[in-house]
Amino acid sequence: FFGGDNIGFLDIVASYIALWFGAIQEAIGMELLTKQK
């Protein structure tokens, strides 16, 4: 995690990337955050 072995401050803030960002990608039909990149 950004916080090391445990979820920390930045992990909580980055929850936007983990969940909401992906939902937006799907809604607009674009794949920006891929495992390859």
Full PDB file with SEQRES, HELIX, SHEET, SSBOND, CRYST1, ORIGX, SCALE, CONECT and MASTER records, all heavy atoms in Angstrom:
SEQRES   1 A   37  PHE PHE GLY GLY ASP ASN ILE GLY PHE LEU ASP ILE VAL          
SEQRES   2 A   37  ALA SER TYR ILE ALA LEU TRP PHE GLY ALA ILE GLN GLU          
SEQRES   3 A   37  ALA ILE GLY MET GLU LEU LEU THR LYS GLN LYS                  
HELIX    1 AA1 PHE A    9  VAL A   13  1                                   5    
HELIX    2 AA2 SER A   15  SER A   15  1                                   1    
HELIX    3 AA3 TYR A   16  TRP A   20  3                                   5    
HELIX    4 AA4 PHE A   21  ILE A   28  1                                   8    
CRYST1    1.000    1.000    1.000  90.00  90.00  90.00 P 1           1          
ORIGX1      1.000000  0.000000  0.000000        0.00000                         
ORIGX2      0.000000  1.000000  0.000000        0.00000                         
ORIGX3      0.000000  0.000000  1.000000        0.00000                         
SCALE1      1.000000  0.000000  0.000000        0.00000                         
SCALE2      0.000000  1.000000  0.000000        0.00000                         
SCALE3      0.000000  0.000000  1.000000        0.00000                         
ATOM      1  N   PHE A   1       0.849  -1.183   0.000  1.00  0.00           N  
ATOM      2  CA  PHE A   1       0.000   0.000   0.000  1.00  0.00           C  
ATOM      3  C   PHE A   1       0.887   1.236   0.000  1.00  0.00           C  
ATOM      4  O   PHE A   1       2.082   1.161   0.290  1.00  0.00           O  
ATOM      5  CB  PHE A   1      -0.901   0.028   1.246  1.00  0.00           C  
ATOM      6  CG  PHE A   1      -1.854  -1.137   1.345  1.00  0.00           C  
ATOM      7  CD1 PHE A   1      -1.698  -2.092   2.333  1.00  0.00           C  
ATOM      8  CD2 PHE A   1      -2.913  -1.259   0.457  1.00  0.00           C  
ATOM      9  CE1 PHE A   1      -2.569  -3.163   2.435  1.00  0.00           C  
ATOM     10  CE2 PHE A   1      -3.792  -2.331   0.547  1.00  0.00           C  
ATOM     11  CZ  PHE A   1      -3.623  -3.288   1.533  1.00  0.00           C  
ATOM     12  N   PHE A   2       0.311   2.372  -0.305  1.00  0.00           N  
ATOM     13  CA  PHE A   2       1.075   3.614  -0.206  1.00  0.00           C  
ATOM     14  C   PHE A   2       1.568   3.802   1.225  1.00  0.00           C  
ATOM     15  O   PHE A   2       2.638   4.363   1.452  1.00  0.00           O  
ATOM     16  CB  PHE A   2       0.206   4.811  -0.615  1.00  0.00           C  
ATOM     17  CG  PHE A   2      -0.020   4.913  -2.092  1.00  0.00           C  
ATOM     18  CD1 PHE A   2      -1.241   4.553  -2.646  1.00  0.00           C  
ATOM     19  CD2 PHE A   2       0.973   5.388  -2.936  1.00  0.00           C  
ATOM     20  CE1 PHE A   2      -1.468   4.663  -4.015  1.00  0.00           C  
ATOM     21  CE2 PHE A   2       0.761   5.497  -4.302  1.00  0.00           C  
ATOM     22  CZ  PHE A   2      -0.462   5.136  -4.843  1.00  0.00           C  
ATOM     23  N   GLY A   3       0.774   3.319   2.182  1.00  0.00           N  
ATOM     24  CA  GLY A   3       1.136   3.433   3.588  1.00  0.00           C  
ATOM     25  C   GLY A   3       2.051   2.329   4.075  1.00  0.00           C  
ATOM     26  O   GLY A   3       2.349   2.251   5.271  1.00  0.00           O  
ATOM     27  N   GLY A   4       2.504   1.459   3.189  1.00  0.00           N  
ATOM     28  CA  GLY A   4       3.378   0.348   3.592  1.00  0.00           C  
ATOM     29  C   GLY A   4       2.608  -0.956   3.625  1.00  0.00           C  
ATOM     30  O   GLY A   4       1.977  -1.346   2.648  1.00  0.00           O  
ATOM     31  N   ASP A   5       2.643  -1.621   4.779  1.00  0.00           N  
ATOM     32  CA  ASP A   5       1.924  -2.891   4.926  1.00  0.00           C  
ATOM     33  C   ASP A   5       0.449  -2.698   5.241  1.00  0.00           C  
ATOM     34  O   ASP A   5      -0.343  -3.638   5.139  1.00  0.00           O  
ATOM     35  CB  ASP A   5       2.566  -3.735   6.033  1.00  0.00           C  
ATOM     36  CG  ASP A   5       3.963  -4.210   5.657  1.00  0.00           C  
ATOM     37  OD1 ASP A   5       4.207  -4.385   4.441  1.00  0.00           O  
ATOM     38  OD2 ASP A   5       4.794  -4.389   6.559  1.00  0.00           O  
ATOM     39  N   ASN A   6       0.091  -1.486   5.663  1.00  0.00           N  
ATOM     40  CA  ASN A   6      -1.285  -1.203   6.058  1.00  0.00           C  
ATOM     41  C   ASN A   6      -1.835  -0.002   5.298  1.00  0.00           C  
ATOM     42  O   ASN A   6      -1.084   0.864   4.828  1.00  0.00           O  
ATOM     43  CB  ASN A   6      -1.371  -0.929   7.565  1.00  0.00           C  
ATOM     44  CG  ASN A   6      -0.877  -2.093   8.404  1.00  0.00           C  
ATOM     45  OD1 ASN A   6      -1.375  -3.215   8.269  1.00  0.00           O  
ATOM     46  ND2 ASN A   6       0.096  -1.852   9.262  1.00  0.00           N  
ATOM     47  N   ILE A   7      -3.140   0.051   5.187  1.00  0.00           N  
ATOM     48  CA  ILE A   7      -3.787   1.183   4.536  1.00  0.00           C  
ATOM     49  C   ILE A   7      -3.533   2.447   5.345  1.00  0.00           C  
ATOM     50  O   ILE A   7      -3.690   2.469   6.564  1.00  0.00           O  
ATOM     51  CB  ILE A   7      -5.308   0.939   4.415  1.00  0.00           C  
ATOM     52  CG1 ILE A   7      -5.566  -0.226   3.458  1.00  0.00           C  
ATOM     53  CG2 ILE A   7      -6.032   2.188   3.946  1.00  0.00           C  
ATOM     54  CD1 ILE A   7      -7.026  -0.628   3.386  1.00  0.00           C  
ATOM     55  N   GLY A   8      -3.133   3.505   4.654  1.00  0.00           N  
ATOM     56  CA  GLY A   8      -2.847   4.768   5.319  1.00  0.00           C  
ATOM     57  C   GLY A   8      -3.556   5.933   4.660  1.00  0.00           C  
ATOM     58  O   GLY A   8      -4.464   5.765   3.831  1.00  0.00           O  
ATOM     59  N   PHE A   9      -3.116   7.119   5.006  1.00  0.00           N  
ATOM     60  CA  PHE A   9      -3.710   8.376   4.544  1.00  0.00           C  
ATOM     61  C   PHE A   9      -3.830   8.434   3.024  1.00  0.00           C  
ATOM     62  O   PHE A   9      -4.911   8.687   2.473  1.00  0.00           O  
ATOM     63  CB  PHE A   9      -2.836   9.531   5.053  1.00  0.00           C  
ATOM     64  CG  PHE A   9      -3.232  10.893   4.579  1.00  0.00           C  
ATOM     65  CD1 PHE A   9      -4.231  11.612   5.212  1.00  0.00           C  
ATOM     66  CD2 PHE A   9      -2.575  11.483   3.505  1.00  0.00           C  
ATOM     67  CE1 PHE A   9      -4.583  12.888   4.775  1.00  0.00           C  
ATOM     68  CE2 PHE A   9      -2.915  12.754   3.063  1.00  0.00           C  
ATOM     69  CZ  PHE A   9      -3.925  13.454   3.700  1.00  0.00           C  
ATOM     70  N   LEU A  10      -2.721   8.185   2.319  1.00  0.00           N  
ATOM     71  CA  LEU A  10      -2.735   8.304   0.859  1.00  0.00           C  
ATOM     72  C   LEU A  10      -3.576   7.206   0.205  1.00  0.00           C  
ATOM     73  O   LEU A  10      -4.221   7.444  -0.821  1.00  0.00           O  
ATOM     74  CB  LEU A  10      -1.312   8.286   0.311  1.00  0.00           C  
ATOM     75  CG  LEU A  10      -1.171   8.525  -1.194  1.00  0.00           C  
ATOM     76  CD1 LEU A  10      -1.891   9.799  -1.625  1.00  0.00           C  
ATOM     77  CD2 LEU A  10       0.300   8.586  -1.583  1.00  0.00           C  
ATOM     78  N   ASP A  11      -3.601   6.028   0.784  1.00  0.00           N  
ATOM     79  CA  ASP A  11      -4.458   4.962   0.255  1.00  0.00           C  
ATOM     80  C   ASP A  11      -5.928   5.381   0.305  1.00  0.00           C  
ATOM     81  O   ASP A  11      -6.685   5.136  -0.633  1.00  0.00           O  
ATOM     82  CB  ASP A  11      -4.268   3.673   1.057  1.00  0.00           C  
ATOM     83  CG  ASP A  11      -2.857   3.133   0.965  1.00  0.00           C  
ATOM     84  OD1 ASP A  11      -2.509   2.556  -0.071  1.00  0.00           O  
ATOM     85  OD2 ASP A  11      -2.100   3.328   1.929  1.00  0.00           O  
ATOM     86  N   ILE A  12      -6.308   6.008   1.404  1.00  0.00           N  
ATOM     87  CA  ILE A  12      -7.693   6.450   1.559  1.00  0.00           C  
ATOM     88  C   ILE A  12      -8.027   7.511   0.520  1.00  0.00           C  
ATOM     89  O   ILE A  12      -9.073   7.466  -0.122  1.00  0.00           O  
ATOM     90  CB  ILE A  12      -7.923   6.991   2.985  1.00  0.00           C  
ATOM     91  CG1 ILE A  12      -7.790   5.861   4.008  1.00  0.00           C  
ATOM     92  CG2 ILE A  12      -9.291   7.659   3.098  1.00  0.00           C  
ATOM     93  CD1 ILE A  12      -7.832   6.322   5.448  1.00  0.00           C  
ATOM     94  N   VAL A  13      -7.115   8.463   0.330  1.00  0.00           N  
ATOM     95  CA  VAL A  13      -7.340   9.514  -0.663  1.00  0.00           C  
ATOM     96  C   VAL A  13      -7.391   8.911  -2.068  1.00  0.00           C  
ATOM     97  O   VAL A  13      -8.228   9.283  -2.895  1.00  0.00           O  
ATOM     98  CB  VAL A  13      -6.230  10.583  -0.580  1.00  0.00           C  
ATOM     99  CG1 VAL A  13      -6.392  11.627  -1.681  1.00  0.00           C  
ATOM    100  CG2 VAL A  13      -6.243  11.263   0.791  1.00  0.00           C  
ATOM    101  N   ALA A  14      -6.496   7.967  -2.326  1.00  0.00           N  
ATOM    102  CA  ALA A  14      -6.416   7.333  -3.649  1.00  0.00           C  
ATOM    103  C   ALA A  14      -7.544   6.340  -3.899  1.00  0.00           C  
ATOM    104  O   ALA A  14      -7.607   5.744  -4.978  1.00  0.00           O  
ATOM    105  CB  ALA A  14      -5.066   6.641  -3.815  1.00  0.00           C  
ATOM    106  N   SER A  15      -8.433   6.170  -2.950  1.00  0.00           N  
ATOM    107  CA  SER A  15      -9.601   5.314  -3.189  1.00  0.00           C  
ATOM    108  C   SER A  15     -10.391   5.829  -4.392  1.00  0.00           C  
ATOM    109  O   SER A  15     -11.087   5.064  -5.066  1.00  0.00           O  
ATOM    110  CB  SER A  15     -10.495   5.241  -1.951  1.00  0.00           C  
ATOM    111  OG  SER A  15     -10.982   6.528  -1.586  1.00  0.00           O  
ATOM    112  N   TYR A  16     -10.264   7.125  -4.667  1.00  0.00           N  
ATOM    113  CA  TYR A  16     -10.876   7.700  -5.871  1.00  0.00           C  
ATOM    114  C   TYR A  16     -10.368   6.975  -7.118  1.00  0.00           C  
ATOM    115  O   TYR A  16     -11.147   6.668  -8.028  1.00  0.00           O  
ATOM    116  CB  TYR A  16     -10.557   9.189  -5.955  1.00  0.00           C  
ATOM    117  CG  TYR A  16     -10.842   9.790  -7.318  1.00  0.00           C  
ATOM    118  CD1 TYR A  16     -12.144  10.107  -7.690  1.00  0.00           C  
ATOM    119  CD2 TYR A  16      -9.813  10.017  -8.226  1.00  0.00           C  
ATOM    120  CE1 TYR A  16     -12.409  10.642  -8.942  1.00  0.00           C  
ATOM    121  CE2 TYR A  16     -10.068  10.546  -9.478  1.00  0.00           C  
ATOM    122  CZ  TYR A  16     -11.369  10.863  -9.837  1.00  0.00           C  
ATOM    123  OH  TYR A  16     -11.615  11.385 -11.082  1.00  0.00           O  
ATOM    124  N   ILE A  17      -9.067   6.710  -7.156  1.00  0.00           N  
ATOM    125  CA  ILE A  17      -8.467   6.020  -8.300  1.00  0.00           C  
ATOM    126  C   ILE A  17      -8.900   4.555  -8.334  1.00  0.00           C  
ATOM    127  O   ILE A  17      -9.203   3.994  -9.385  1.00  0.00           O  
ATOM    128  CB  ILE A  17      -6.929   6.114  -8.238  1.00  0.00           C  
ATOM    129  CG1 ILE A  17      -6.486   7.569  -8.325  1.00  0.00           C  
ATOM    130  CG2 ILE A  17      -6.285   5.293  -9.362  1.00  0.00           C  
ATOM    131  CD1 ILE A  17      -4.989   7.771  -8.107  1.00  0.00           C  
ATOM    132  N   ALA A  18      -8.937   3.940  -7.170  1.00  0.00           N  
ATOM    133  CA  ALA A  18      -9.267   2.512  -7.090  1.00  0.00           C  
ATOM    134  C   ALA A  18     -10.685   2.215  -7.552  1.00  0.00           C  
ATOM    135  O   ALA A  18     -10.933   1.169  -8.163  1.00  0.00           O  
ATOM    136  CB  ALA A  18      -9.075   2.019  -5.658  1.00  0.00           C  
ATOM    137  N   LEU A  19     -11.613   3.127  -7.299  1.00  0.00           N  
ATOM    138  CA  LEU A  19     -13.014   2.835  -7.582  1.00  0.00           C  
ATOM    139  C   LEU A  19     -13.661   3.828  -8.545  1.00  0.00           C  
ATOM    140  O   LEU A  19     -14.101   3.471  -9.636  1.00  0.00           O  
ATOM    141  CB  LEU A  19     -13.803   2.783  -6.274  1.00  0.00           C  
ATOM    142  CG  LEU A  19     -15.295   2.475  -6.394  1.00  0.00           C  
ATOM    143  CD1 LEU A  19     -15.510   1.109  -7.052  1.00  0.00           C  
ATOM    144  CD2 LEU A  19     -15.967   2.510  -5.028  1.00  0.00           C  
ATOM    145  N   TRP A  20     -13.708   5.087  -8.168  1.00  0.00           N  
ATOM    146  CA  TRP A  20     -14.443   6.083  -8.945  1.00  0.00           C  
ATOM    147  C   TRP A  20     -13.805   6.330 -10.320  1.00  0.00           C  
ATOM    148  O   TRP A  20     -14.512   6.509 -11.310  1.00  0.00           O  
ATOM    149  CB  TRP A  20     -14.559   7.383  -8.159  1.00  0.00           C  
ATOM    150  CG  TRP A  20     -15.553   7.312  -7.053  1.00  0.00           C  
ATOM    151  CD1 TRP A  20     -16.882   7.674  -7.106  1.00  0.00           C  
ATOM    152  CD2 TRP A  20     -15.350   6.835  -5.718  1.00  0.00           C  
ATOM    153  NE1 TRP A  20     -17.493   7.455  -5.910  1.00  0.00           N  
ATOM    154  CE2 TRP A  20     -16.577   6.944  -5.023  1.00  0.00           C  
ATOM    155  CE3 TRP A  20     -14.236   6.338  -5.036  1.00  0.00           C  
ATOM    156  CZ2 TRP A  20     -16.731   6.571  -3.705  1.00  0.00           C  
ATOM    157  CZ3 TRP A  20     -14.376   5.960  -3.718  1.00  0.00           C  
ATOM    158  CH2 TRP A  20     -15.616   6.069  -3.050  1.00  0.00           C  
ATOM    159  N   PHE A  21     -12.494   6.340 -10.380  1.00  0.00           N  
ATOM    160  CA  PHE A  21     -11.793   6.546 -11.641  1.00  0.00           C  
ATOM    161  C   PHE A  21     -12.173   5.460 -12.651  1.00  0.00           C  
ATOM    162  O   PHE A  21     -12.443   5.739 -13.822  1.00  0.00           O  
ATOM    163  CB  PHE A  21     -10.281   6.540 -11.398  1.00  0.00           C  
ATOM    164  CG  PHE A  21      -9.456   6.931 -12.591  1.00  0.00           C  
ATOM    165  CD1 PHE A  21      -9.105   8.249 -12.817  1.00  0.00           C  
ATOM    166  CD2 PHE A  21      -9.023   5.970 -13.491  1.00  0.00           C  
ATOM    167  CE1 PHE A  21      -8.337   8.608 -13.909  1.00  0.00           C  
ATOM    168  CE2 PHE A  21      -8.261   6.315 -14.597  1.00  0.00           C  
ATOM    169  CZ  PHE A  21      -7.916   7.638 -14.806  1.00  0.00           C  
ATOM    170  N   GLY A  22     -12.209   4.211 -12.192  1.00  0.00           N  
ATOM    171  CA  GLY A  22     -12.578   3.103 -13.063  1.00  0.00           C  
ATOM    172  C   GLY A  22     -14.014   3.199 -13.544  1.00  0.00           C  
ATOM    173  O   GLY A  22     -14.319   2.869 -14.696  1.00  0.00           O  
ATOM    174  N   ALA A  23     -14.907   3.651 -12.665  1.00  0.00           N  
ATOM    175  CA  ALA A  23     -16.307   3.808 -13.040  1.00  0.00           C  
ATOM    176  C   ALA A  23     -16.467   4.890 -14.103  1.00  0.00           C  
ATOM    177  O   ALA A  23     -17.259   4.750 -15.039  1.00  0.00           O  
ATOM    178  CB  ALA A  23     -17.146   4.140 -11.808  1.00  0.00           C  
ATOM    179  N   ILE A  24     -15.693   5.962 -13.969  1.00  0.00           N  
ATOM    180  CA  ILE A  24     -15.738   7.043 -14.962  1.00  0.00           C  
ATOM    181  C   ILE A  24     -15.210   6.548 -16.301  1.00  0.00           C  
ATOM    182  O   ILE A  24     -15.790   6.836 -17.357  1.00  0.00           O  
ATOM    183  CB  ILE A  24     -14.924   8.256 -14.471  1.00  0.00           C  
ATOM    184  CG1 ILE A  24     -15.577   8.870 -13.227  1.00  0.00           C  
ATOM    185  CG2 ILE A  24     -14.812   9.309 -15.575  1.00  0.00           C  
ATOM    186  CD1 ILE A  24     -14.741   9.948 -12.555  1.00  0.00           C  
ATOM    187  N   GLN A  25     -14.107   5.794 -16.265  1.00  0.00           N  
ATOM    188  CA  GLN A  25     -13.564   5.217 -17.499  1.00  0.00           C  
ATOM    189  C   GLN A  25     -14.630   4.412 -18.240  1.00  0.00           C  
ATOM    190  O   GLN A  25     -14.808   4.548 -19.454  1.00  0.00           O  
ATOM    191  CB  GLN A  25     -12.402   4.270 -17.179  1.00  0.00           C  
ATOM    192  CG  GLN A  25     -11.107   4.920 -16.787  1.00  0.00           C  
ATOM    193  CD  GLN A  25     -10.020   3.871 -16.616  1.00  0.00           C  
ATOM    194  OE1 GLN A  25      -9.045   3.866 -17.330  1.00  0.00           O  
ATOM    195  NE2 GLN A  25     -10.200   2.970 -15.664  1.00  0.00           N  
ATOM    196  N   GLU A  26     -15.314   3.565 -17.507  1.00  0.00           N  
ATOM    197  CA  GLU A  26     -16.337   2.714 -18.115  1.00  0.00           C  
ATOM    198  C   GLU A  26     -17.482   3.548 -18.673  1.00  0.00           C  
ATOM    199  O   GLU A  26     -18.010   3.256 -19.755  1.00  0.00           O  
ATOM    200  CB  GLU A  26     -16.861   1.708 -17.090  1.00  0.00           C  
ATOM    201  CG  GLU A  26     -17.807   0.675 -17.666  1.00  0.00           C  
ATOM    202  CD  GLU A  26     -18.169  -0.412 -16.669  1.00  0.00           C  
ATOM    203  OE1 GLU A  26     -17.422  -0.597 -15.684  1.00  0.00           O  
ATOM    204  OE2 GLU A  26     -19.206  -1.082 -16.884  1.00  0.00           O  
ATOM    205  N   ALA A  27     -17.859   4.590 -17.951  1.00  0.00           N  
ATOM    206  CA  ALA A  27     -18.980   5.426 -18.367  1.00  0.00           C  
ATOM    207  C   ALA A  27     -18.682   6.196 -19.649  1.00  0.00           C  
ATOM    208  O   ALA A  27     -19.579   6.420 -20.471  1.00  0.00           O  
ATOM    209  CB  ALA A  27     -19.358   6.394 -17.250  1.00  0.00           C  
ATOM    210  N   ILE A  28     -17.419   6.600 -19.844  1.00  0.00           N  
ATOM    211  CA  ILE A  28     -17.063   7.365 -21.043  1.00  0.00           C  
ATOM    212  C   ILE A  28     -16.483   6.476 -22.138  1.00  0.00           C  
ATOM    213  O   ILE A  28     -16.148   6.946 -23.231  1.00  0.00           O  
ATOM    214  CB  ILE A  28     -16.068   8.499 -20.724  1.00  0.00           C  
ATOM    215  CG1 ILE A  28     -14.744   7.939 -20.171  1.00  0.00           C  
ATOM    216  CG2 ILE A  28     -16.687   9.498 -19.762  1.00  0.00           C  
ATOM    217  CD1 ILE A  28     -13.685   9.003 -19.921  1.00  0.00           C  
ATOM    218  N   GLY A  29     -16.338   5.184 -21.845  1.00  0.00           N  
ATOM    219  CA  GLY A  29     -15.863   4.243 -22.844  1.00  0.00           C  
ATOM    220  C   GLY A  29     -14.388   4.386 -23.174  1.00  0.00           C  
ATOM    221  O   GLY A  29     -13.977   4.173 -24.320  1.00  0.00           O  
ATOM    222  N   MET A  30     -13.586   4.717 -22.174  1.00  0.00           N  
ATOM    223  CA  MET A  30     -12.137   4.850 -22.367  1.00  0.00           C  
ATOM    224  C   MET A  30     -11.409   4.038 -21.309  1.00  0.00           C  
ATOM    225  O   MET A  30     -11.849   3.962 -20.160  1.00  0.00           O  
ATOM    226  CB  MET A  30     -11.699   6.313 -22.283  1.00  0.00           C  
ATOM    227  CG  MET A  30     -12.296   7.215 -23.338  1.00  0.00           C  
ATOM    228  SD  MET A  30     -11.711   8.929 -23.185  1.00  0.00           S  
ATOM    229  CE  MET A  30     -10.008   8.733 -23.743  1.00  0.00           C  
ATOM    230  N   GLU A  31     -10.291   3.426 -21.695  1.00  0.00           N  
ATOM    231  CA  GLU A  31      -9.472   2.659 -20.754  1.00  0.00           C  
ATOM    232  C   GLU A  31      -8.135   3.379 -20.589  1.00  0.00           C  
ATOM    233  O   GLU A  31      -7.267   3.297 -21.460  1.00  0.00           O  
ATOM    234  CB  GLU A  31      -9.264   1.237 -21.258  1.00  0.00           C  
ATOM    235  CG  GLU A  31      -8.696   0.307 -20.192  1.00  0.00           C  
ATOM    236  CD  GLU A  31      -8.638  -1.136 -20.664  1.00  0.00           C  
ATOM    237  OE1 GLU A  31      -8.840  -1.381 -21.867  1.00  0.00           O  
ATOM    238  OE2 GLU A  31      -8.387  -2.010 -19.812  1.00  0.00           O  
ATOM    239  N   LEU A  32      -7.994   4.084 -19.498  1.00  0.00           N  
ATOM    240  CA  LEU A  32      -6.812   4.908 -19.264  1.00  0.00           C  
ATOM    241  C   LEU A  32      -5.815   4.233 -18.329  1.00  0.00           C  
ATOM    242  O   LEU A  32      -4.610   4.281 -18.556  1.00  0.00           O  
ATOM    243  CB  LEU A  32      -7.224   6.268 -18.683  1.00  0.00           C  
ATOM    244  CG  LEU A  32      -8.282   7.046 -19.477  1.00  0.00           C  
ATOM    245  CD1 LEU A  32      -8.648   8.341 -18.763  1.00  0.00           C  
ATOM    246  CD2 LEU A  32      -7.784   7.333 -20.883  1.00  0.00           C  
ATOM    247  N   LEU A  33      -6.324   3.613 -17.278  1.00  0.00           N  
ATOM    248  CA  LEU A  33      -5.460   2.965 -16.297  1.00  0.00           C  
ATOM    249  C   LEU A  33      -5.450   1.462 -16.592  1.00  0.00           C  
ATOM    250  O   LEU A  33      -6.389   0.749 -16.237  1.00  0.00           O  
ATOM    251  CB  LEU A  33      -5.957   3.235 -14.879  1.00  0.00           C  
ATOM    252  CG  LEU A  33      -4.968   3.072 -13.727  1.00  0.00           C  
ATOM    253  CD1 LEU A  33      -5.561   3.647 -12.438  1.00  0.00           C  
ATOM    254  CD2 LEU A  33      -4.565   1.627 -13.502  1.00  0.00           C  
ATOM    255  N   THR A  34      -4.405   1.001 -17.264  1.00  0.00           N  
ATOM    256  CA  THR A  34      -4.307  -0.410 -17.619  1.00  0.00           C  
ATOM    257  C   THR A  34      -3.143  -1.064 -16.884  1.00  0.00           C  
ATOM    258  O   THR A  34      -2.201  -0.392 -16.460  1.00  0.00           O  
ATOM    259  CB  THR A  34      -4.083  -0.576 -19.133  1.00  0.00           C  
ATOM    260  OG1 THR A  34      -2.808  -0.006 -19.489  1.00  0.00           O  
ATOM    261  CG2 THR A  34      -5.191   0.121 -19.922  1.00  0.00           C  
ATOM    262  N   LYS A  35      -3.200  -2.386 -16.754  1.00  0.00           N  
ATOM    263  CA  LYS A  35      -2.127  -3.129 -16.090  1.00  0.00           C  
ATOM    264  C   LYS A  35      -0.832  -3.063 -16.886  1.00  0.00           C  
ATOM    265  O   LYS A  35       0.256  -3.145 -16.325  1.00  0.00           O  
ATOM    266  CB  LYS A  35      -2.555  -4.583 -15.882  1.00  0.00           C  
ATOM    267  CG  LYS A  35      -3.676  -4.745 -14.873  1.00  0.00           C  
ATOM    268  CD  LYS A  35      -3.998  -6.206 -14.620  1.00  0.00           C  
ATOM    269  CE  LYS A  35      -5.090  -6.322 -13.556  1.00  0.00           C  
ATOM    270  NZ  LYS A  35      -5.428  -7.734 -13.248  1.00  0.00           N  
ATOM    271  N   GLN A  36      -0.955  -2.913 -18.195  1.00  0.00           N  
ATOM    272  CA  GLN A  36       0.238  -2.827 -19.040  1.00  0.00           C  
ATOM    273  C   GLN A  36       0.994  -1.530 -18.809  1.00  0.00           C  
ATOM    274  O   GLN A  36       2.221  -1.510 -18.728  1.00  0.00           O  
ATOM    275  CB  GLN A  36      -0.153  -2.941 -20.524  1.00  0.00           C  
ATOM    276  CG  GLN A  36      -0.647  -4.312 -20.963  1.00  0.00           C  
ATOM    277  CD  GLN A  36      -2.049  -4.619 -20.449  1.00  0.00           C  
ATOM    278  OE1 GLN A  36      -2.838  -3.702 -20.193  1.00  0.00           O  
ATOM    279  NE2 GLN A  36      -2.346  -5.908 -20.288  1.00  0.00           N  
ATOM    280  N   LYS A  37       0.255  -0.431 -18.665  1.00  0.00           N  
ATOM    281  CA  LYS A  37       0.886   0.878 -18.489  1.00  0.00           C  
ATOM    282  C   LYS A  37       1.261   1.153 -17.035  1.00  0.00           C  
ATOM    283  O   LYS A  37       2.296   1.767 -16.759  1.00  0.00           O  
ATOM    284  CB  LYS A  37      -0.053   1.990 -18.977  1.00  0.00           C  
ATOM    285  CG  LYS A  37      -0.194   2.088 -20.480  1.00  0.00           C  
ATOM    286  CD  LYS A  37      -1.076   3.276 -20.836  1.00  0.00           C  
ATOM    287  CE  LYS A  37      -1.210   3.420 -22.343  1.00  0.00           C  
ATOM    288  NZ  LYS A  37      -2.102   4.567 -22.700  1.00  0.00           N  
TER     289      LYS A  37                                                      
MASTER        0    0    0    4    0    0    0    6  288    1    0    3          
END                                                                             
